[in-house]
Amino acid sequence: MADTGYDARTAADYRAARELPREGLTAWREAVAEHAALRPGATVLDVDVGAGTGAFATAFRDWYGVHVLAVEPSPAMRKSIPAGEGVTPLGGRAEQLPVADAAADAAWLGSVVHHLADLDAAAAELHRVLRPGSPVLIRNSFPGRCRRDLRARYFPETAAGIDRYPSAERVTAAFTTAGFTRTALLPLPQRSAPTLAAFAAGLRRGADGKLRALSEQAWTAGLARLRRAAAERPDEPAVSWMDLLVLRRD
């Protein structure tokens, strides 16, 4: 796993800058319902860079009535997860999940596969903890498929970083070896902010690995590019696209 030594300030910045408004996730809610068919009372693993600050954990609980096991290696980030009815934060990592065999009905990996230290071990571990027929739902940017990502659009240097991520084919191969079958790969929109101006105002370079890797010159130029677009198109919503890769345990 990539560095997960988050402190409380970083966790707060992550929540402020990276969490998406629920109303912007309609396409994701519908796609997960179609490909996972989650029933109330089912158990879902949320294995993010850990589970981040719990935004998707609480969304899954509220949308589908499921119980979410939110796996997060960082104590600071784990404290930000709203524990309570329907959400249980757990310390752990994708390659060594603190979950019993065949204990979960689905797994959600949001923007995590490029952070995994051992993708093959993570796939094998997910096979262990999922019941037969259960899906793994992977929300990620993949090389060659990030043209409509807002960050790649306005900060084009970020695409070079995404090119170093595991490809959809590499991820599929790891999970196929572990005993999964790929059932879908589709791009989905998400509204990050009501307008481009609001998106620009909410950017926190330190809370986004793609932006943090940019040079100062690339960051400044990209922000200026985004602000010009916001001024020219003040009513344009900030819509970005990411892929949903679905694999089902044999």
C-alpha atoms as a PDB file:
ATOM      1  CA  MET A   1       0.000   0.000   0.000  1.00  0.00           C
ATOM      2  CA  ALA A   2       1.142   3.552  -0.620  1.00  0.00           C
ATOM      3  CA  ASP A   3       1.980   5.755   2.314  1.00  0.00           C
ATOM      4  CA  THR A   4      -0.985   5.777   4.672  1.00  0.00           C
ATOM      5  CA  GLY A   5       0.616   7.765   7.470  1.00  0.00           C
ATOM      6  CA  TYR A   6      -2.159  10.336   7.472  1.00  0.00           C
ATOM      7  CA  ASP A   7      -2.480  12.753  10.359  1.00  0.00           C
ATOM      8  CA  ALA A   8      -5.686  14.420  11.515  1.00  0.00           C
ATOM      9  CA  ARG A   9      -5.081  17.501   9.341  1.00  0.00           C
ATOM     10  CA  THR A  10      -4.595  15.403   6.225  1.00  0.00           C
ATOM     11  CA  ALA A  11      -7.746  13.435   6.990  1.00  0.00           C
ATOM     12  CA  ALA A  12      -9.712  16.683   7.358  1.00  0.00           C
ATOM     13  CA  ASP A  13      -8.290  18.020   4.082  1.00  0.00           C
ATOM     14  CA  TYR A  14      -9.157  14.767   2.349  1.00  0.00           C
ATOM     15  CA  ARG A  15     -12.745  14.975   3.541  1.00  0.00           C
ATOM     16  CA  ALA A  16     -13.063  18.608   2.423  1.00  0.00           C
ATOM     17  CA  ALA A  17     -11.444  18.172  -0.979  1.00  0.00           C
ATOM     18  CA  ARG A  18     -12.050  14.616  -2.162  1.00  0.00           C
ATOM     19  CA  GLU A  19     -15.502  13.554  -1.001  1.00  0.00           C
ATOM     20  CA  LEU A  20     -18.144  13.826  -3.695  1.00  0.00           C
ATOM     21  CA  PRO A  21     -21.661  15.138  -3.123  1.00  0.00           C
ATOM     22  CA  ARG A  22     -24.237  12.331  -3.075  1.00  0.00           C
ATOM     23  CA  GLU A  23     -26.366  14.087  -5.668  1.00  0.00           C
ATOM     24  CA  GLY A  24     -23.446  13.843  -8.100  1.00  0.00           C
ATOM     25  CA  LEU A  25     -23.234  10.055  -7.852  1.00  0.00           C
ATOM     26  CA  THR A  26     -26.552   8.999  -9.399  1.00  0.00           C
ATOM     27  CA  ALA A  27     -24.912   7.041 -12.227  1.00  0.00           C
ATOM     28  CA  TRP A  28     -22.733   5.170  -9.744  1.00  0.00           C
ATOM     29  CA  ARG A  29     -25.659   4.328  -7.499  1.00  0.00           C
ATOM     30  CA  GLU A  30     -27.595   2.913 -10.446  1.00  0.00           C
ATOM     31  CA  ALA A  31     -24.627   0.966 -11.842  1.00  0.00           C
ATOM     32  CA  VAL A  32     -23.810  -0.643  -8.507  1.00  0.00           C
ATOM     33  CA  ALA A  33     -27.469  -1.592  -8.056  1.00  0.00           C
ATOM     34  CA  GLU A  34     -27.443  -3.225 -11.501  1.00  0.00           C
ATOM     35  CA  HIS A  35     -24.164  -5.110 -11.200  1.00  0.00           C
ATOM     36  CA  ALA A  36     -24.208  -6.054  -7.506  1.00  0.00           C
ATOM     37  CA  ALA A  37     -27.940  -6.415  -6.738  1.00  0.00           C
ATOM     38  CA  LEU A  38     -27.282  -5.769  -3.043  1.00  0.00           C
ATOM     39  CA  ARG A  39     -30.061  -6.791  -0.703  1.00  0.00           C
ATOM     40  CA  PRO A  40     -30.774  -5.153   2.666  1.00  0.00           C
ATOM     41  CA  GLY A  41     -28.691  -6.751   5.380  1.00  0.00           C
ATOM     42  CA  ALA A  42     -25.910  -7.860   3.035  1.00  0.00           C
ATOM     43  CA  THR A  43     -22.280  -7.310   4.055  1.00  0.00           C
ATOM     44  CA  VAL A  44     -20.095  -5.082   1.863  1.00  0.00           C
ATOM     45  CA  LEU A  45     -16.358  -4.557   2.225  1.00  0.00           C
ATOM     46  CA  ASP A  46     -15.199  -0.998   1.526  1.00  0.00           C
ATOM     47  CA  VAL A  47     -11.473  -1.366   0.857  1.00  0.00           C
ATOM     48  CA  ASP A  48     -10.261   2.046  -0.288  1.00  0.00           C
ATOM     49  CA  VAL A  49      -6.870   3.620   0.427  1.00  0.00           C
ATOM     50  CA  GLY A  50      -8.245   2.117   3.194  1.00  0.00           C
ATOM     51  CA  ALA A  51     -11.810   3.315   3.186  1.00  0.00           C
ATOM     52  CA  GLY A  52     -10.831   6.982   3.237  1.00  0.00           C
ATOM     53  CA  THR A  53     -13.157   8.981   5.440  1.00  0.00           C
ATOM     54  CA  GLY A  54     -16.169   6.750   4.906  1.00  0.00           C
ATOM     55  CA  ALA A  55     -18.075   8.655   2.203  1.00  0.00           C
ATOM     56  CA  PHE A  56     -18.837   5.567   0.134  1.00  0.00           C
ATOM     57  CA  ALA A  57     -19.316   3.402   3.213  1.00  0.00           C
ATOM     58  CA  THR A  58     -22.157   5.603   4.416  1.00  0.00           C
ATOM     59  CA  ALA A  59     -23.525   5.976   0.876  1.00  0.00           C
ATOM     60  CA  PHE A  60     -23.748   2.190   0.448  1.00  0.00           C
ATOM     61  CA  ARG A  61     -25.435   1.860   3.828  1.00  0.00           C
ATOM     62  CA  ASP A  62     -27.991   4.542   3.008  1.00  0.00           C
ATOM     63  CA  TRP A  63     -28.583   3.523  -0.601  1.00  0.00           C
ATOM     64  CA  TYR A  64     -28.917  -0.222  -0.190  1.00  0.00           C
ATOM     65  CA  GLY A  65     -29.484  -0.910   3.506  1.00  0.00           C
ATOM     66  CA  VAL A  66     -26.299  -2.996   3.762  1.00  0.00           C
ATOM     67  CA  HIS A  67     -23.774  -3.393   6.565  1.00  0.00           C
ATOM     68  CA  VAL A  68     -20.383  -1.985   5.529  1.00  0.00           C
ATOM     69  CA  LEU A  69     -17.024  -3.149   6.863  1.00  0.00           C
ATOM     70  CA  ALA A  70     -14.827  -0.110   6.142  1.00  0.00           C
ATOM     71  CA  VAL A  71     -11.205  -1.270   6.025  1.00  0.00           C
ATOM     72  CA  GLU A  72      -8.716   1.562   6.622  1.00  0.00           C
ATOM     73  CA  PRO A  73      -5.030   1.208   7.623  1.00  0.00           C
ATOM     74  CA  SER A  74      -4.565   4.782   8.858  1.00  0.00           C
ATOM     75  CA  PRO A  75      -5.785   5.494  12.416  1.00  0.00           C
ATOM     76  CA  ALA A  76      -6.384   9.186  11.593  1.00  0.00           C
ATOM     77  CA  MET A  77      -8.482   8.369   8.547  1.00  0.00           C
ATOM     78  CA  ARG A  78     -10.277   5.575  10.410  1.00  0.00           C
ATOM     79  CA  LYS A  79     -11.362   8.038  13.106  1.00  0.00           C
ATOM     80  CA  SER A  80     -13.046  10.107  10.383  1.00  0.00           C
ATOM     81  CA  ILE A  81     -15.305   7.229   9.339  1.00  0.00           C
ATOM     82  CA  PRO A  82     -18.767   7.767  10.866  1.00  0.00           C
ATOM     83  CA  ALA A  83     -19.014   4.521  12.797  1.00  0.00           C
ATOM     84  CA  GLY A  84     -22.393   3.424  14.014  1.00  0.00           C
ATOM     85  CA  GLU A  85     -25.363   1.482  12.799  1.00  0.00           C
ATOM     86  CA  GLY A  86     -24.505  -0.076   9.460  1.00  0.00           C
ATOM     87  CA  VAL A  87     -20.818   0.943   9.315  1.00  0.00           C
ATOM     88  CA  THR A  88     -17.951  -0.796  11.133  1.00  0.00           C
ATOM     89  CA  PRO A  89     -14.445   0.673  10.700  1.00  0.00           C
ATOM     90  CA  LEU A  90     -11.642  -1.904  10.750  1.00  0.00           C
ATOM     91  CA  GLY A  91      -7.873  -1.550  10.712  1.00  0.00           C
ATOM     92  CA  GLY A  92      -6.374  -3.511   7.844  1.00  0.00           C
ATOM     93  CA  ARG A  93      -5.242  -3.542   4.245  1.00  0.00           C
ATOM     94  CA  ALA A  94      -6.356  -5.190   1.026  1.00  0.00           C
ATOM     95  CA  GLU A  95      -3.578  -7.772   1.109  1.00  0.00           C
ATOM     96  CA  GLN A  96      -4.482  -8.878   4.649  1.00  0.00           C
ATOM     97  CA  LEU A  97      -8.144  -8.289   5.418  1.00  0.00           C
ATOM     98  CA  PRO A  98      -9.388  -8.624   9.023  1.00  0.00           C
ATOM     99  CA  VAL A  99     -12.422 -10.584   7.845  1.00  0.00           C
ATOM    100  CA  ALA A 100     -13.395 -14.252   8.060  1.00  0.00           C
ATOM    101  CA  ASP A 101     -13.584 -16.553   5.050  1.00  0.00           C
ATOM    102  CA  ALA A 102     -16.690 -16.122   2.865  1.00  0.00           C
ATOM    103  CA  ALA A 103     -17.993 -13.341   5.118  1.00  0.00           C
ATOM    104  CA  ALA A 104     -18.907 -10.681   2.538  1.00  0.00           C
ATOM    105  CA  ASP A 105     -21.413 -10.340  -0.294  1.00  0.00           C
ATOM    106  CA  ALA A 106     -19.522  -7.677  -2.269  1.00  0.00           C
ATOM    107  CA  ALA A 107     -16.344  -5.587  -2.164  1.00  0.00           C
ATOM    108  CA  TRP A 108     -15.865  -1.960  -3.181  1.00  0.00           C
ATOM    109  CA  LEU A 109     -12.399  -0.657  -4.091  1.00  0.00           C
ATOM    110  CA  GLY A 110     -12.502   3.072  -4.722  1.00  0.00           C
ATOM    111  CA  SER A 111      -9.358   4.634  -6.242  1.00  0.00           C
ATOM    112  CA  VAL A 112      -7.153   2.043  -4.568  1.00  0.00           C
ATOM    113  CA  VAL A 113      -5.698  -0.469  -7.045  1.00  0.00           C
ATOM    114  CA  HIS A 114      -2.808   1.828  -7.993  1.00  0.00           C
ATOM    115  CA  HIS A 115      -1.845   2.056  -4.304  1.00  0.00           C
ATOM    116  CA  LEU A 116      -1.691  -1.681  -3.639  1.00  0.00           C
ATOM    117  CA  ALA A 117       1.724  -3.082  -2.851  1.00  0.00           C
ATOM    118  CA  ASP A 118       0.707  -6.522  -4.176  1.00  0.00           C
ATOM    119  CA  LEU A 119      -2.282  -6.568  -6.527  1.00  0.00           C
ATOM    120  CA  ASP A 120      -2.188 -10.355  -6.905  1.00  0.00           C
ATOM    121  CA  ALA A 121      -2.200 -10.922  -3.143  1.00  0.00           C
ATOM    122  CA  ALA A 122      -5.101  -8.499  -2.746  1.00  0.00           C
ATOM    123  CA  ALA A 123      -7.111 -10.335  -5.400  1.00  0.00           C
ATOM    124  CA  ALA A 124      -6.466 -13.663  -3.687  1.00  0.00           C
ATOM    125  CA  GLU A 125      -7.444 -12.190  -0.316  1.00  0.00           C
ATOM    126  CA  LEU A 126     -10.697 -10.815  -1.719  1.00  0.00           C
ATOM    127  CA  HIS A 127     -11.453 -14.256  -3.152  1.00  0.00           C
ATOM    128  CA  ARG A 128     -11.017 -15.660   0.351  1.00  0.00           C
ATOM    129  CA  VAL A 129     -13.405 -13.273   2.093  1.00  0.00           C
ATOM    130  CA  LEU A 130     -16.149 -13.139  -0.546  1.00  0.00           C
ATOM    131  CA  ARG A 131     -18.920 -15.674  -0.944  1.00  0.00           C
ATOM    132  CA  PRO A 132     -19.172 -17.511  -4.280  1.00  0.00           C
ATOM    133  CA  GLY A 133     -20.849 -15.352  -6.908  1.00  0.00           C
ATOM    134  CA  SER A 134     -20.066 -12.092  -5.118  1.00  0.00           C
ATOM    135  CA  PRO A 135     -18.828  -9.069  -7.099  1.00  0.00           C
ATOM    136  CA  VAL A 136     -15.785  -6.875  -6.688  1.00  0.00           C
ATOM    137  CA  LEU A 137     -16.607  -3.315  -7.790  1.00  0.00           C
ATOM    138  CA  ILE A 138     -13.510  -1.292  -8.697  1.00  0.00           C
ATOM    139  CA  ARG A 139     -13.817   2.470  -9.217  1.00  0.00           C
ATOM    140  CA  ASN A 140     -10.570   3.744 -10.705  1.00  0.00           C
ATOM    141  CA  SER A 141      -8.764   5.660 -13.415  1.00  0.00           C
ATOM    142  CA  PHE A 142      -6.967   3.404 -15.873  1.00  0.00           C
ATOM    143  CA  PRO A 143      -4.201   4.153 -18.392  1.00  0.00           C
ATOM    144  CA  GLY A 144      -5.558   5.191 -21.767  1.00  0.00           C
ATOM    145  CA  ARG A 145      -9.066   5.718 -20.381  1.00  0.00           C
ATOM    146  CA  CYS A 146      -8.765   8.978 -18.420  1.00  0.00           C
ATOM    147  CA  ARG A 147      -9.452  11.563 -21.138  1.00  0.00           C
ATOM    148  CA  ARG A 148     -12.652  12.776 -19.427  1.00  0.00           C
ATOM    149  CA  ASP A 149     -11.195  12.954 -15.918  1.00  0.00           C
ATOM    150  CA  LEU A 150     -11.413  16.614 -14.829  1.00  0.00           C
ATOM    151  CA  ARG A 151      -7.896  16.598 -13.494  1.00  0.00           C
ATOM    152  CA  ALA A 152      -6.477  15.135 -16.701  1.00  0.00           C
ATOM    153  CA  ARG A 153      -8.484  17.705 -18.677  1.00  0.00           C
ATOM    154  CA  TYR A 154      -7.173  20.783 -16.866  1.00  0.00           C
ATOM    155  CA  PHE A 155      -3.907  19.382 -15.485  1.00  0.00           C
ATOM    156  CA  PRO A 156      -2.843  17.200 -18.451  1.00  0.00           C
ATOM    157  CA  GLU A 157       0.412  16.209 -16.756  1.00  0.00           C
ATOM    158  CA  THR A 158      -1.638  14.029 -14.396  1.00  0.00           C
ATOM    159  CA  ALA A 159      -2.297  11.656 -17.309  1.00  0.00           C
ATOM    160  CA  ALA A 160       1.384  10.674 -17.216  1.00  0.00           C
ATOM    161  CA  GLY A 161       0.914   9.574 -13.621  1.00  0.00           C
ATOM    162  CA  ILE A 162      -2.188   7.577 -14.523  1.00  0.00           C
ATOM    163  CA  ASP A 163      -0.177   5.862 -17.258  1.00  0.00           C
ATOM    164  CA  ARG A 164       1.836   4.242 -14.452  1.00  0.00           C
ATOM    165  CA  TYR A 165      -1.270   2.764 -12.834  1.00  0.00           C
ATOM    166  CA  PRO A 166      -2.172  -0.897 -13.428  1.00  0.00           C
ATOM    167  CA  SER A 167      -4.231  -1.134 -16.606  1.00  0.00           C
ATOM    168  CA  ALA A 168      -7.736  -2.566 -16.649  1.00  0.00           C
ATOM    169  CA  GLU A 169      -6.239  -5.601 -18.374  1.00  0.00           C
ATOM    170  CA  ARG A 170      -3.580  -6.042 -15.669  1.00  0.00           C
ATOM    171  CA  VAL A 171      -6.199  -5.809 -12.905  1.00  0.00           C
ATOM    172  CA  THR A 172      -8.451  -8.240 -14.756  1.00  0.00           C
ATOM    173  CA  ALA A 173      -5.573 -10.704 -15.149  1.00  0.00           C
ATOM    174  CA  ALA A 174      -4.772 -10.609 -11.425  1.00  0.00           C
ATOM    175  CA  PHE A 175      -8.375 -11.244 -10.465  1.00  0.00           C
ATOM    176  CA  THR A 176      -8.846 -13.923 -13.127  1.00  0.00           C
ATOM    177  CA  THR A 177      -5.870 -15.812 -11.702  1.00  0.00           C
ATOM    178  CA  ALA A 178      -7.407 -15.501  -8.230  1.00  0.00           C
ATOM    179  CA  GLY A 179     -10.715 -16.989  -9.376  1.00  0.00           C
ATOM    180  CA  PHE A 180     -12.843 -14.125 -10.681  1.00  0.00           C
ATOM    181  CA  THR A 181     -14.544 -13.454 -14.018  1.00  0.00           C
ATOM    182  CA  ARG A 182     -14.805  -9.942 -15.450  1.00  0.00           C
ATOM    183  CA  THR A 183     -18.396  -8.975 -16.161  1.00  0.00           C
ATOM    184  CA  ALA A 184     -18.245  -5.242 -16.936  1.00  0.00           C
ATOM    185  CA  LEU A 185     -15.983  -2.278 -17.626  1.00  0.00           C
ATOM    186  CA  LEU A 186     -17.813   0.989 -18.143  1.00  0.00           C
ATOM    187  CA  PRO A 187     -17.098   4.717 -17.792  1.00  0.00           C
ATOM    188  CA  LEU A 188     -19.440   6.589 -15.467  1.00  0.00           C
ATOM    189  CA  PRO A 189     -19.947  10.305 -14.798  1.00  0.00           C
ATOM    190  CA  GLN A 190     -19.791  11.959 -11.406  1.00  0.00           C
ATOM    191  CA  ARG A 191     -20.563  15.585 -10.644  1.00  0.00           C
ATOM    192  CA  SER A 192     -17.772  16.815  -8.430  1.00  0.00           C
ATOM    193  CA  ALA A 193     -19.207  20.308  -7.907  1.00  0.00           C
ATOM    194  CA  PRO A 194     -22.136  22.409  -9.162  1.00  0.00           C
ATOM    195  CA  THR A 195     -19.819  24.540 -11.330  1.00  0.00           C
ATOM    196  CA  LEU A 196     -16.240  24.598 -12.537  1.00  0.00           C
ATOM    197  CA  ALA A 197     -15.648  27.615 -10.301  1.00  0.00           C
ATOM    198  CA  ALA A 198     -16.807  25.686  -7.241  1.00  0.00           C
ATOM    199  CA  PHE A 199     -14.597  22.759  -8.255  1.00  0.00           C
ATOM    200  CA  ALA A 200     -11.576  25.063  -8.561  1.00  0.00           C
ATOM    201  CA  ALA A 201     -12.301  26.662  -5.185  1.00  0.00           C
ATOM    202  CA  GLY A 202     -12.468  23.268  -3.504  1.00  0.00           C
ATOM    203  CA  LEU A 203      -9.235  21.838  -4.870  1.00  0.00           C
ATOM    204  CA  ARG A 204      -6.665  20.942  -2.211  1.00  0.00           C
ATOM    205  CA  ARG A 205      -3.405  20.003  -3.845  1.00  0.00           C
ATOM    206  CA  GLY A 206      -2.104  18.227  -0.757  1.00  0.00           C
ATOM    207  CA  ALA A 207      -5.164  15.968  -0.553  1.00  0.00           C
ATOM    208  CA  ASP A 208      -4.842  14.634  -4.104  1.00  0.00           C
ATOM    209  CA  GLY A 209      -1.943  12.403  -5.059  1.00  0.00           C
ATOM    210  CA  LYS A 210      -2.266  13.229  -8.763  1.00  0.00           C
ATOM    211  CA  LEU A 211      -2.064  16.975  -8.125  1.00  0.00           C
ATOM    212  CA  ARG A 212       0.569  16.659  -5.412  1.00  0.00           C
ATOM    213  CA  ALA A 213       2.917  15.018  -7.920  1.00  0.00           C
ATOM    214  CA  LEU A 214       2.808  18.014 -10.258  1.00  0.00           C
ATOM    215  CA  SER A 215       5.549  20.592 -10.483  1.00  0.00           C
ATOM    216  CA  GLU A 216       4.709  24.040  -9.167  1.00  0.00           C
ATOM    217  CA  GLN A 217       4.630  25.307 -12.748  1.00  0.00           C
ATOM    218  CA  ALA A 218       2.213  22.589 -13.900  1.00  0.00           C
ATOM    219  CA  TRP A 219      -0.037  23.152 -10.879  1.00  0.00           C
ATOM    220  CA  THR A 220      -0.174  26.924 -11.422  1.00  0.00           C
ATOM    221  CA  ALA A 221      -0.808  26.585 -15.163  1.00  0.00           C
ATOM    222  CA  GLY A 222      -3.533  23.998 -14.672  1.00  0.00           C
ATOM    223  CA  LEU A 223      -5.311  26.055 -12.029  1.00  0.00           C
ATOM    224  CA  ALA A 224      -5.230  29.093 -14.313  1.00  0.00           C
ATOM    225  CA  ARG A 225      -6.612  26.969 -17.155  1.00  0.00           C
ATOM    226  CA  LEU A 226      -9.450  25.740 -14.944  1.00  0.00           C
ATOM    227  CA  ARG A 227     -10.297  29.234 -13.721  1.00  0.00           C
ATOM    228  CA  ARG A 228     -10.395  30.572 -17.289  1.00  0.00           C
ATOM    229  CA  ALA A 229     -12.812  27.824 -18.262  1.00  0.00           C
ATOM    230  CA  ALA A 230     -14.943  28.605 -15.211  1.00  0.00           C
ATOM    231  CA  ALA A 231     -15.102  32.281 -16.195  1.00  0.00           C
ATOM    232  CA  GLU A 232     -15.992  31.466 -19.809  1.00  0.00           C
ATOM    233  CA  ARG A 233     -18.623  28.860 -18.867  1.00  0.00           C
ATOM    234  CA  PRO A 234     -19.972  29.910 -15.463  1.00  0.00           C
ATOM    235  CA  ASP A 235     -22.928  27.517 -15.515  1.00  0.00           C
ATOM    236  CA  GLU A 236     -21.049  24.395 -16.585  1.00  0.00           C
ATOM    237  CA  PRO A 237     -21.156  21.683 -13.885  1.00  0.00           C
ATOM    238  CA  ALA A 238     -17.887  20.021 -12.902  1.00  0.00           C
ATOM    239  CA  VAL A 239     -18.491  16.539 -14.303  1.00  0.00           C
ATOM    240  CA  SER A 240     -15.689  14.004 -14.315  1.00  0.00           C
ATOM    241  CA  TRP A 241     -15.608  10.384 -15.469  1.00  0.00           C
ATOM    242  CA  MET A 242     -14.045   7.267 -13.993  1.00  0.00           C
ATOM    243  CA  ASP A 243     -14.304   3.570 -14.793  1.00  0.00           C
ATOM    244  CA  LEU A 244     -16.243   0.898 -12.967  1.00  0.00           C
ATOM    245  CA  LEU A 245     -14.644  -2.523 -13.367  1.00  0.00           C
ATOM    246  CA  VAL A 246     -16.780  -5.421 -12.138  1.00  0.00           C
ATOM    247  CA  LEU A 247     -15.414  -8.900 -11.464  1.00  0.00           C
ATOM    248  CA  ARG A 248     -17.402 -11.771  -9.998  1.00  0.00           C
ATOM    249  CA  ARG A 249     -16.049 -14.508  -7.751  1.00  0.00           C
ATOM    250  CA  ASP A 250     -16.376 -17.948  -9.322  1.00  0.00           C
END
